Amino acid sequence: KLISAGKILENNKTVGECRSPLCDVPG
Protein backbone atom coordinates (compact mmCIF):
# COMPACT_ATOMS: atom_id res chain seq x y z
CA LYS A 1 0.00 0.00 0.00
CA LEU A 2 1.33 3.44 -0.90
CA ILE A 3 0.34 6.48 1.15
CA SER A 4 0.87 9.99 -0.15
CA ALA A 5 -0.44 13.16 1.52
CA GLY A 6 -2.47 11.00 3.93
CA LYS A 7 -4.28 9.05 1.19
CA ILE A 8 -3.93 5.40 0.20
CA LEU A 9 -3.26 5.36 -3.54
CA GLU A 10 -5.30 3.14 -5.84
CA ASN A 11 -3.51 0.91 -8.38
CA ASN A 12 -5.50 2.20 -11.38
CA LYS A 13 -4.64 5.88 -10.77
CA THR A 14 -1.66 7.64 -12.33
CA VAL A 15 1.05 9.51 -10.44
CA GLY A 16 -0.25 12.75 -11.93
CA GLU A 17 -3.77 12.09 -10.60
CA CYS A 18 -2.46 11.35 -7.09
CA ARG A 19 -0.29 14.43 -6.87
CA SER A 20 -1.18 16.88 -4.13
CA PRO A 21 -0.82 20.54 -5.13
CA LEU A 22 -0.17 21.52 -1.51
CA CYS A 23 2.58 18.97 -0.81
CA ASP A 24 4.47 18.78 -4.10
CA VAL A 25 7.14 21.40 -4.65
CA PRO A 26 8.34 21.83 -8.24
CA GLY A 27 11.77 20.25 -8.51
mmCIF file of all heavy atoms, coordinates in Angstrom:
data_MODEL
# 
_entry.id   MODEL 
# 
loop_
_atom_site.group_PDB 
_atom_site.id 
_atom_site.type_symbol 
_atom_site.label_atom_id 
_atom_site.label_alt_id 
_atom_site.label_comp_id 
_atom_site.label_asym_id 
_atom_site.label_entity_id 
_atom_site.label_seq_id 
_atom_site.pdbx_PDB_ins_code 
_atom_site.Cartn_x 
_atom_site.Cartn_y 
_atom_site.Cartn_z 
_atom_site.occupancy 
_atom_site.B_iso_or_equiv 
_atom_site.pdbx_formal_charge 
_atom_site.auth_seq_id 
_atom_site.auth_comp_id 
_atom_site.auth_asym_id 
_atom_site.auth_atom_id 
_atom_site.pdbx_PDB_model_num 
ATOM 1   N N   . LYS A 1 1  ? 0.875  -1.177 0.000   1.00 0.00 ? 1  LYS A N   1 
ATOM 2   C CA  . LYS A 1 1  ? 0.000  0.000  0.000   1.00 0.00 ? 1  LYS A CA  1 
ATOM 3   C C   . LYS A 1 1  ? 0.905  1.218  0.000   1.00 0.00 ? 1  LYS A C   1 
ATOM 4   O O   . LYS A 1 1  ? 1.880  1.275  0.758   1.00 0.00 ? 1  LYS A O   1 
ATOM 5   C CB  . LYS A 1 1  ? -0.901 0.014  1.226   1.00 0.00 ? 1  LYS A CB  1 
ATOM 6   C CG  . LYS A 1 1  ? -1.969 -1.054 1.222   1.00 0.00 ? 1  LYS A CG  1 
ATOM 7   C CD  . LYS A 1 1  ? -2.942 -0.805 2.342   1.00 0.00 ? 1  LYS A CD  1 
ATOM 8   C CE  . LYS A 1 1  ? -3.966 -1.872 2.563   1.00 0.00 ? 1  LYS A CE  1 
ATOM 9   N NZ  . LYS A 1 1  ? -4.391 -2.672 1.514   1.00 0.00 ? 1  LYS A NZ  1 
ATOM 10  N N   . LEU A 1 2  ? 0.590  2.188  -0.848  1.00 0.00 ? 2  LEU A N   1 
ATOM 11  C CA  . LEU A 1 2  ? 1.331  3.442  -0.900  1.00 0.00 ? 2  LEU A CA  1 
ATOM 12  C C   . LEU A 1 2  ? 0.467  4.543  -0.325  1.00 0.00 ? 2  LEU A C   1 
ATOM 13  O O   . LEU A 1 2  ? -0.712 4.660  -0.663  1.00 0.00 ? 2  LEU A O   1 
ATOM 14  C CB  . LEU A 1 2  ? 1.706  3.802  -2.339  1.00 0.00 ? 2  LEU A CB  1 
ATOM 15  C CG  . LEU A 1 2  ? 2.819  2.992  -2.973  1.00 0.00 ? 2  LEU A CG  1 
ATOM 16  C CD1 . LEU A 1 2  ? 3.042  3.442  -4.399  1.00 0.00 ? 2  LEU A CD1 1 
ATOM 17  C CD2 . LEU A 1 2  ? 4.095  3.121  -2.184  1.00 0.00 ? 2  LEU A CD2 1 
ATOM 18  N N   . ILE A 1 3  ? 1.054  5.356  0.542   1.00 0.00 ? 3  ILE A N   1 
ATOM 19  C CA  . ILE A 1 3  ? 0.344  6.477  1.147   1.00 0.00 ? 3  ILE A CA  1 
ATOM 20  C C   . ILE A 1 3  ? 1.070  7.758  0.768   1.00 0.00 ? 3  ILE A C   1 
ATOM 21  O O   . ILE A 1 3  ? 2.280  7.875  0.960   1.00 0.00 ? 3  ILE A O   1 
ATOM 22  C CB  . ILE A 1 3  ? 0.273  6.340  2.676   1.00 0.00 ? 3  ILE A CB  1 
ATOM 23  C CG1 . ILE A 1 3  ? -0.448 5.044  3.043   1.00 0.00 ? 3  ILE A CG1 1 
ATOM 24  C CG2 . ILE A 1 3  ? -0.416 7.549  3.295   1.00 0.00 ? 3  ILE A CG2 1 
ATOM 25  C CD1 . ILE A 1 3  ? -0.451 4.732  4.514   1.00 0.00 ? 3  ILE A CD1 1 
ATOM 26  N N   . SER A 1 4  ? 0.311  8.685  0.207   1.00 0.00 ? 4  SER A N   1 
ATOM 27  C CA  . SER A 1 4  ? 0.868  9.990  -0.152  1.00 0.00 ? 4  SER A CA  1 
ATOM 28  C C   . SER A 1 4  ? -0.113 11.063 0.295   1.00 0.00 ? 4  SER A C   1 
ATOM 29  O O   . SER A 1 4  ? -1.304 10.982 -0.015  1.00 0.00 ? 4  SER A O   1 
ATOM 30  C CB  . SER A 1 4  ? 1.097  10.080 -1.658  1.00 0.00 ? 4  SER A CB  1 
ATOM 31  O OG  . SER A 1 4  ? 1.627  11.341 -2.006  1.00 0.00 ? 4  SER A OG  1 
ATOM 32  N N   . ALA A 1 5  ? 0.381  12.052 1.010   1.00 0.00 ? 5  ALA A N   1 
ATOM 33  C CA  . ALA A 1 5  ? -0.438 13.157 1.522   1.00 0.00 ? 5  ALA A CA  1 
ATOM 34  C C   . ALA A 1 5  ? -1.640 12.631 2.314   1.00 0.00 ? 5  ALA A C   1 
ATOM 35  O O   . ALA A 1 5  ? -2.736 13.167 2.227   1.00 0.00 ? 5  ALA A O   1 
ATOM 36  C CB  . ALA A 1 5  ? -0.896 14.058 0.386   1.00 0.00 ? 5  ALA A CB  1 
ATOM 37  N N   . GLY A 1 6  ? -1.421 11.539 3.068   1.00 0.00 ? 6  GLY A N   1 
ATOM 38  C CA  . GLY A 1 6  ? -2.466 10.997 3.926   1.00 0.00 ? 6  GLY A CA  1 
ATOM 39  C C   . GLY A 1 6  ? -3.503 10.143 3.230   1.00 0.00 ? 6  GLY A C   1 
ATOM 40  O O   . GLY A 1 6  ? -4.473 9.736  3.845   1.00 0.00 ? 6  GLY A O   1 
ATOM 41  N N   . LYS A 1 7  ? -3.308 9.851  1.934   1.00 0.00 ? 7  LYS A N   1 
ATOM 42  C CA  . LYS A 1 7  ? -4.282 9.051  1.192   1.00 0.00 ? 7  LYS A CA  1 
ATOM 43  C C   . LYS A 1 7  ? -3.634 7.767  0.686   1.00 0.00 ? 7  LYS A C   1 
ATOM 44  O O   . LYS A 1 7  ? -2.504 7.784  0.211   1.00 0.00 ? 7  LYS A O   1 
ATOM 45  C CB  . LYS A 1 7  ? -4.815 9.833  -0.007  1.00 0.00 ? 7  LYS A CB  1 
ATOM 46  C CG  . LYS A 1 7  ? -5.628 11.034 0.380   1.00 0.00 ? 7  LYS A CG  1 
ATOM 47  C CD  . LYS A 1 7  ? -6.175 11.728 -0.840  1.00 0.00 ? 7  LYS A CD  1 
ATOM 48  C CE  . LYS A 1 7  ? -6.971 12.968 -0.427  1.00 0.00 ? 7  LYS A CE  1 
ATOM 49  N NZ  . LYS A 1 7  ? -7.512 13.666 -1.582  1.00 0.00 ? 7  LYS A NZ  1 
ATOM 50  N N   . ILE A 1 8  ? -4.381 6.652  0.778   1.00 0.00 ? 8  ILE A N   1 
ATOM 51  C CA  . ILE A 1 8  ? -3.930 5.397  0.197   1.00 0.00 ? 8  ILE A CA  1 
ATOM 52  C C   . ILE A 1 8  ? -4.192 5.470  -1.296  1.00 0.00 ? 8  ILE A C   1 
ATOM 53  O O   . ILE A 1 8  ? -5.314 5.749  -1.723  1.00 0.00 ? 8  ILE A O   1 
ATOM 54  C CB  . ILE A 1 8  ? -4.664 4.196  0.830   1.00 0.00 ? 8  ILE A CB  1 
ATOM 55  C CG1 . ILE A 1 8  ? -4.326 4.111  2.323   1.00 0.00 ? 8  ILE A CG1 1 
ATOM 56  C CG2 . ILE A 1 8  ? -4.282 2.908  0.115   1.00 0.00 ? 8  ILE A CG2 1 
ATOM 57  C CD1 . ILE A 1 8  ? -5.071 3.044  3.069   1.00 0.00 ? 8  ILE A CD1 1 
ATOM 58  N N   . LEU A 1 9  ? -3.155 5.227  -2.083  1.00 0.00 ? 9  LEU A N   1 
ATOM 59  C CA  . LEU A 1 9  ? -3.260 5.364  -3.536  1.00 0.00 ? 9  LEU A CA  1 
ATOM 60  C C   . LEU A 1 9  ? -3.805 4.095  -4.170  1.00 0.00 ? 9  LEU A C   1 
ATOM 61  O O   . LEU A 1 9  ? -3.423 2.985  -3.802  1.00 0.00 ? 9  LEU A O   1 
ATOM 62  C CB  . LEU A 1 9  ? -1.880 5.700  -4.121  1.00 0.00 ? 9  LEU A CB  1 
ATOM 63  C CG  . LEU A 1 9  ? -1.175 6.903  -3.484  1.00 0.00 ? 9  LEU A CG  1 
ATOM 64  C CD1 . LEU A 1 9  ? 0.139  7.163  -4.197  1.00 0.00 ? 9  LEU A CD1 1 
ATOM 65  C CD2 . LEU A 1 9  ? -2.060 8.136  -3.523  1.00 0.00 ? 9  LEU A CD2 1 
ATOM 66  N N   . GLU A 1 10 ? -4.681 4.264  -5.143  1.00 0.00 ? 10 GLU A N   1 
ATOM 67  C CA  . GLU A 1 10 ? -5.301 3.140  -5.844  1.00 0.00 ? 10 GLU A CA  1 
ATOM 68  C C   . GLU A 1 10 ? -4.439 2.747  -7.038  1.00 0.00 ? 10 GLU A C   1 
ATOM 69  O O   . GLU A 1 10 ? -3.883 3.607  -7.723  1.00 0.00 ? 10 GLU A O   1 
ATOM 70  C CB  . GLU A 1 10 ? -6.698 3.524  -6.319  1.00 0.00 ? 10 GLU A CB  1 
ATOM 71  C CG  . GLU A 1 10 ? -7.639 3.864  -5.183  1.00 0.00 ? 10 GLU A CG  1 
ATOM 72  C CD  . GLU A 1 10 ? -8.987 4.345  -5.678  1.00 0.00 ? 10 GLU A CD  1 
ATOM 73  O OE1 . GLU A 1 10 ? -9.367 3.994  -6.821  1.00 0.00 ? 10 GLU A OE1 1 
ATOM 74  O OE2 . GLU A 1 10 ? -9.651 5.076  -4.938  1.00 0.00 ? 10 GLU A OE2 1 
ATOM 75  N N   . ASN A 1 11 ? -4.364 1.434  -7.312  1.00 0.00 ? 11 ASN A N   1 
ATOM 76  C CA  . ASN A 1 11 ? -3.508 0.912  -8.381  1.00 0.00 ? 11 ASN A CA  1 
ATOM 77  C C   . ASN A 1 11 ? -3.836 1.479  -9.761  1.00 0.00 ? 11 ASN A C   1 
ATOM 78  O O   . ASN A 1 11 ? -2.956 1.643  -10.596 1.00 0.00 ? 11 ASN A O   1 
ATOM 79  C CB  . ASN A 1 11 ? -3.597 -0.613 -8.445  1.00 0.00 ? 11 ASN A CB  1 
ATOM 80  C CG  . ASN A 1 11 ? -2.875 -1.267 -7.294  1.00 0.00 ? 11 ASN A CG  1 
ATOM 81  O OD1 . ASN A 1 11 ? -2.078 -0.639 -6.606  1.00 0.00 ? 11 ASN A OD1 1 
ATOM 82  N ND2 . ASN A 1 11 ? -3.161 -2.533 -7.069  1.00 0.00 ? 11 ASN A ND2 1 
ATOM 83  N N   . ASN A 1 12 ? -5.103 1.769  -10.034 1.00 0.00 ? 12 ASN A N   1 
ATOM 84  C CA  . ASN A 1 12 ? -5.500 2.196  -11.377 1.00 0.00 ? 12 ASN A CA  1 
ATOM 85  C C   . ASN A 1 12 ? -5.293 3.690  -11.626 1.00 0.00 ? 12 ASN A C   1 
ATOM 86  O O   . ASN A 1 12 ? -5.479 4.162  -12.735 1.00 0.00 ? 12 ASN A O   1 
ATOM 87  C CB  . ASN A 1 12 ? -6.957 1.815  -11.654 1.00 0.00 ? 12 ASN A CB  1 
ATOM 88  C CG  . ASN A 1 12 ? -7.914 2.433  -10.638 1.00 0.00 ? 12 ASN A CG  1 
ATOM 89  O OD1 . ASN A 1 12 ? -7.499 2.967  -9.625  1.00 0.00 ? 12 ASN A OD1 1 
ATOM 90  N ND2 . ASN A 1 12 ? -9.193 2.337  -10.922 1.00 0.00 ? 12 ASN A ND2 1 
ATOM 91  N N   . LYS A 1 13 ? -4.891 4.439  -10.609 1.00 0.00 ? 13 LYS A N   1 
ATOM 92  C CA  . LYS A 1 13 ? -4.639 5.876  -10.765 1.00 0.00 ? 13 LYS A CA  1 
ATOM 93  C C   . LYS A 1 13 ? -3.221 6.104  -11.276 1.00 0.00 ? 13 LYS A C   1 
ATOM 94  O O   . LYS A 1 13 ? -2.345 5.257  -11.113 1.00 0.00 ? 13 LYS A O   1 
ATOM 95  C CB  . LYS A 1 13 ? -4.800 6.607  -9.426  1.00 0.00 ? 13 LYS A CB  1 
ATOM 96  C CG  . LYS A 1 13 ? -6.162 6.466  -8.810  1.00 0.00 ? 13 LYS A CG  1 
ATOM 97  C CD  . LYS A 1 13 ? -7.108 7.429  -9.419  1.00 0.00 ? 13 LYS A CD  1 
ATOM 98  C CE  . LYS A 1 13 ? -8.439 7.375  -8.662  1.00 0.00 ? 13 LYS A CE  1 
ATOM 99  N NZ  . LYS A 1 13 ? -9.383 8.303  -9.146  1.00 0.00 ? 13 LYS A NZ  1 
ATOM 100 N N   . THR A 1 14 ? -3.007 7.278  -11.886 1.00 0.00 ? 14 THR A N   1 
ATOM 101 C CA  . THR A 1 14 ? -1.661 7.639  -12.327 1.00 0.00 ? 14 THR A CA  1 
ATOM 102 C C   . THR A 1 14 ? -1.003 8.518  -11.266 1.00 0.00 ? 14 THR A C   1 
ATOM 103 O O   . THR A 1 14 ? -1.678 9.073  -10.394 1.00 0.00 ? 14 THR A O   1 
ATOM 104 C CB  . THR A 1 14 ? -1.685 8.398  -13.661 1.00 0.00 ? 14 THR A CB  1 
ATOM 105 O OG1 . THR A 1 14 ? -2.348 9.648  -13.466 1.00 0.00 ? 14 THR A OG1 1 
ATOM 106 C CG2 . THR A 1 14 ? -2.374 7.601  -14.746 1.00 0.00 ? 14 THR A CG2 1 
ATOM 107 N N   . VAL A 1 15 ? 0.305  8.657  -11.375 1.00 0.00 ? 15 VAL A N   1 
ATOM 108 C CA  . VAL A 1 15 ? 1.049  9.506  -10.443 1.00 0.00 ? 15 VAL A CA  1 
ATOM 109 C C   . VAL A 1 15 ? 0.544  10.940 -10.533 1.00 0.00 ? 15 VAL A C   1 
ATOM 110 O O   . VAL A 1 15 ? 0.378  11.613 -9.524  1.00 0.00 ? 15 VAL A O   1 
ATOM 111 C CB  . VAL A 1 15 ? 2.559  9.431  -10.755 1.00 0.00 ? 15 VAL A CB  1 
ATOM 112 C CG1 . VAL A 1 15 ? 3.342  10.413 -9.906  1.00 0.00 ? 15 VAL A CG1 1 
ATOM 113 C CG2 . VAL A 1 15 ? 3.068  8.025  -10.541 1.00 0.00 ? 15 VAL A CG2 1 
ATOM 114 N N   . GLY A 1 16 ? 0.260  11.390 -11.736 1.00 0.00 ? 16 GLY A N   1 
ATOM 115 C CA  . GLY A 1 16 ? -0.246 12.748 -11.931 1.00 0.00 ? 16 GLY A CA  1 
ATOM 116 C C   . GLY A 1 16 ? -1.586 12.979 -11.254 1.00 0.00 ? 16 GLY A C   1 
ATOM 117 O O   . GLY A 1 16 ? -1.838 14.055 -10.721 1.00 0.00 ? 16 GLY A O   1 
ATOM 118 N N   . GLU A 1 17 ? -2.461 11.975 -11.246 1.00 0.00 ? 17 GLU A N   1 
ATOM 119 C CA  . GLU A 1 17 ? -3.774 12.093 -10.605 1.00 0.00 ? 17 GLU A CA  1 
ATOM 120 C C   . GLU A 1 17 ? -3.666 12.096 -9.079  1.00 0.00 ? 17 GLU A C   1 
ATOM 121 O O   . GLU A 1 17 ? -4.509 12.674 -8.394  1.00 0.00 ? 17 GLU A O   1 
ATOM 122 C CB  . GLU A 1 17 ? -4.681 10.940 -11.032 1.00 0.00 ? 17 GLU A CB  1 
ATOM 123 C CG  . GLU A 1 17 ? -5.083 10.982 -12.483 1.00 0.00 ? 17 GLU A CG  1 
ATOM 124 C CD  . GLU A 1 17 ? -5.821 9.719  -12.916 1.00 0.00 ? 17 GLU A CD  1 
ATOM 125 O OE1 . GLU A 1 17 ? -5.594 8.641  -12.332 1.00 0.00 ? 17 GLU A OE1 1 
ATOM 126 O OE2 . GLU A 1 17 ? -6.626 9.818  -13.851 1.00 0.00 ? 17 GLU A OE2 1 
ATOM 127 N N   . CYS A 1 18 ? -2.632 11.456 -8.543  1.00 0.00 ? 18 CYS A N   1 
ATOM 128 C CA  . CYS A 1 18 ? -2.463 11.345 -7.094  1.00 0.00 ? 18 CYS A CA  1 
ATOM 129 C C   . CYS A 1 18 ? -1.673 12.501 -6.506  1.00 0.00 ? 18 CYS A C   1 
ATOM 130 O O   . CYS A 1 18 ? -1.565 12.614 -5.288  1.00 0.00 ? 18 CYS A O   1 
ATOM 131 C CB  . CYS A 1 18 ? -1.738 10.037 -6.762  1.00 0.00 ? 18 CYS A CB  1 
ATOM 132 S SG  . CYS A 1 18 ? -2.649 8.580  -7.260  1.00 0.00 ? 18 CYS A SG  1 
ATOM 133 N N   . ARG A 1 19 ? -1.146 13.339 -7.332  1.00 0.00 ? 19 ARG A N   1 
ATOM 134 C CA  . ARG A 1 19 ? -0.293 14.433 -6.874  1.00 0.00 ? 19 ARG A CA  1 
ATOM 135 C C   . ARG A 1 19 ? -1.103 15.445 -6.073  1.00 0.00 ? 19 ARG A C   1 
ATOM 136 O O   . ARG A 1 19 ? -2.207 15.814 -6.442  1.00 0.00 ? 19 ARG A O   1 
ATOM 137 C CB  . ARG A 1 19 ? 0.336  15.088 -8.099  1.00 0.00 ? 19 ARG A CB  1 
ATOM 138 C CG  . ARG A 1 19 ? 1.462  15.961 -7.791  1.00 0.00 ? 19 ARG A CG  1 
ATOM 139 C CD  . ARG A 1 19 ? 2.253  16.393 -8.978  1.00 0.00 ? 19 ARG A CD  1 
ATOM 140 N NE  . ARG A 1 19 ? 1.568  16.304 -10.250 1.00 0.00 ? 19 ARG A NE  1 
ATOM 141 C CZ  . ARG A 1 19 ? 2.182  16.361 -11.402 1.00 0.00 ? 19 ARG A CZ  1 
ATOM 142 N NH1 . ARG A 1 19 ? 3.474  16.495 -11.449 1.00 0.00 ? 19 ARG A NH1 1 
ATOM 143 N NH2 . ARG A 1 19 ? 1.508  16.289 -12.526 1.00 0.00 ? 19 ARG A NH2 1 
ATOM 144 N N   . SER A 1 20 ? -0.532 15.885 -4.963  1.00 0.00 ? 20 SER A N   1 
ATOM 145 C CA  . SER A 1 20 ? -1.184 16.883 -4.128  1.00 0.00 ? 20 SER A CA  1 
ATOM 146 C C   . SER A 1 20 ? -0.574 18.245 -4.428  1.00 0.00 ? 20 SER A C   1 
ATOM 147 O O   . SER A 1 20 ? 0.639  18.423 -4.289  1.00 0.00 ? 20 SER A O   1 
ATOM 148 C CB  . SER A 1 20 ? -0.987 16.543 -2.652  1.00 0.00 ? 20 SER A CB  1 
ATOM 149 O OG  . SER A 1 20 ? -1.412 17.615 -1.856  1.00 0.00 ? 20 SER A OG  1 
ATOM 150 N N   . PRO A 1 21 ? -1.382 19.226 -4.826  1.00 0.00 ? 21 PRO A N   1 
ATOM 151 C CA  . PRO A 1 21 ? -0.822 20.543 -5.133  1.00 0.00 ? 21 PRO A CA  1 
ATOM 152 C C   . PRO A 1 21 ? -0.229 21.240 -3.913  1.00 0.00 ? 21 PRO A C   1 
ATOM 153 O O   . PRO A 1 21 ? 0.645  22.080 -4.035  1.00 0.00 ? 21 PRO A O   1 
ATOM 154 C CB  . PRO A 1 21 ? -2.011 21.325 -5.690  1.00 0.00 ? 21 PRO A CB  1 
ATOM 155 C CG  . PRO A 1 21 ? -3.219 20.606 -5.223  1.00 0.00 ? 21 PRO A CG  1 
ATOM 156 C CD  . PRO A 1 21 ? -2.825 19.178 -5.003  1.00 0.00 ? 21 PRO A CD  1 
ATOM 157 N N   . LEU A 1 22 ? -0.677 20.886 -2.716  1.00 0.00 ? 22 LEU A N   1 
ATOM 158 C CA  . LEU A 1 22 ? -0.168 21.519 -1.508  1.00 0.00 ? 22 LEU A CA  1 
ATOM 159 C C   . LEU A 1 22 ? 1.166  20.936 -1.052  1.00 0.00 ? 22 LEU A C   1 
ATOM 160 O O   . LEU A 1 22 ? 1.973  21.627 -0.441  1.00 0.00 ? 22 LEU A O   1 
ATOM 161 C CB  . LEU A 1 22 ? -1.187 21.382 -0.370  1.00 0.00 ? 22 LEU A CB  1 
ATOM 162 C CG  . LEU A 1 22 ? -2.552 22.020 -0.621  1.00 0.00 ? 22 LEU A CG  1 
ATOM 163 C CD1 . LEU A 1 22 ? -3.487 21.699 0.522   1.00 0.00 ? 22 LEU A CD1 1 
ATOM 164 C CD2 . LEU A 1 22 ? -2.414 23.520 -0.794  1.00 0.00 ? 22 LEU A CD2 1 
ATOM 165 N N   . CYS A 1 23 ? 1.385  19.644 -1.330  1.00 0.00 ? 23 CYS A N   1 
ATOM 166 C CA  . CYS A 1 23 ? 2.576  18.971 -0.811  1.00 0.00 ? 23 CYS A CA  1 
ATOM 167 C C   . CYS A 1 23 ? 3.725  18.906 -1.811  1.00 0.00 ? 23 CYS A C   1 
ATOM 168 O O   . CYS A 1 23 ? 4.867  18.760 -1.413  1.00 0.00 ? 23 CYS A O   1 
ATOM 169 C CB  . CYS A 1 23 ? 2.221  17.556 -0.368  1.00 0.00 ? 23 CYS A CB  1 
ATOM 170 S SG  . CYS A 1 23 ? 1.026  17.518 0.967   1.00 0.00 ? 23 CYS A SG  1 
ATOM 171 N N   . ASP A 1 24 ? 3.431  18.950 -3.089  1.00 0.00 ? 24 ASP A N   1 
ATOM 172 C CA  . ASP A 1 24 ? 4.466  18.782 -4.101  1.00 0.00 ? 24 ASP A CA  1 
ATOM 173 C C   . ASP A 1 24 ? 5.086  20.118 -4.476  1.00 0.00 ? 24 ASP A C   1 
ATOM 174 O O   . ASP A 1 24 ? 4.408  21.028 -4.918  1.00 0.00 ? 24 ASP A O   1 
ATOM 175 C CB  . ASP A 1 24 ? 3.900  18.101 -5.351  1.00 0.00 ? 24 ASP A CB  1 
ATOM 176 C CG  . ASP A 1 24 ? 3.485  16.665 -5.097  1.00 0.00 ? 24 ASP A CG  1 
ATOM 177 O OD1 . ASP A 1 24 ? 4.053  16.069 -4.168  1.00 0.00 ? 24 ASP A OD1 1 
ATOM 178 O OD2 . ASP A 1 24 ? 2.611  16.165 -5.811  1.00 0.00 ? 24 ASP A OD2 1 
ATOM 179 N N   . VAL A 1 25 ? 6.388  20.207 -4.295  1.00 0.00 ? 25 VAL A N   1 
ATOM 180 C CA  . VAL A 1 25 ? 7.143  21.402 -4.646  1.00 0.00 ? 25 VAL A CA  1 
ATOM 181 C C   . VAL A 1 25 ? 7.819  21.146 -5.981  1.00 0.00 ? 25 VAL A C   1 
ATOM 182 O O   . VAL A 1 25 ? 8.464  20.111 -6.147  1.00 0.00 ? 25 VAL A O   1 
ATOM 183 C CB  . VAL A 1 25 ? 8.196  21.709 -3.552  1.00 0.00 ? 25 VAL A CB  1 
ATOM 184 C CG1 . VAL A 1 25 ? 9.019  22.921 -3.924  1.00 0.00 ? 25 VAL A CG1 1 
ATOM 185 C CG2 . VAL A 1 25 ? 7.529  21.874 -2.205  1.00 0.00 ? 25 VAL A CG2 1 
ATOM 186 N N   . PRO A 1 26 ? 7.669  22.038 -6.953  1.00 0.00 ? 26 PRO A N   1 
ATOM 187 C CA  . PRO A 1 26 ? 8.336  21.832 -8.236  1.00 0.00 ? 26 PRO A CA  1 
ATOM 188 C C   . PRO A 1 26 ? 9.836  21.632 -8.044  1.00 0.00 ? 26 PRO A C   1 
ATOM 189 O O   . PRO A 1 26 ? 10.500 22.409 -7.352  1.00 0.00 ? 26 PRO A O   1 
ATOM 190 C CB  . PRO A 1 26 ? 8.041  23.113 -9.012  1.00 0.00 ? 26 PRO A CB  1 
ATOM 191 C CG  . PRO A 1 26 ? 6.820  23.680 -8.366  1.00 0.00 ? 26 PRO A CG  1 
ATOM 192 C CD  . PRO A 1 26 ? 6.892  23.274 -6.923  1.00 0.00 ? 26 PRO A CD  1 
ATOM 193 N N   . GLY A 1 27 ? 10.355 20.567 -8.626  1.00 0.00 ? 27 GLY A N   1 
ATOM 194 C CA  . GLY A 1 27 ? 11.774 20.251 -8.514  1.00 0.00 ? 27 GLY A CA  1 
ATOM 195 C C   . GLY A 1 27 ? 12.138 19.546 -7.218  1.00 0.00 ? 27 GLY A C   1 
ATOM 196 O O   . GLY A 1 27 ? 13.286 19.167 -7.022  1.00 0.00 ? 27 GLY A O   1 
# 
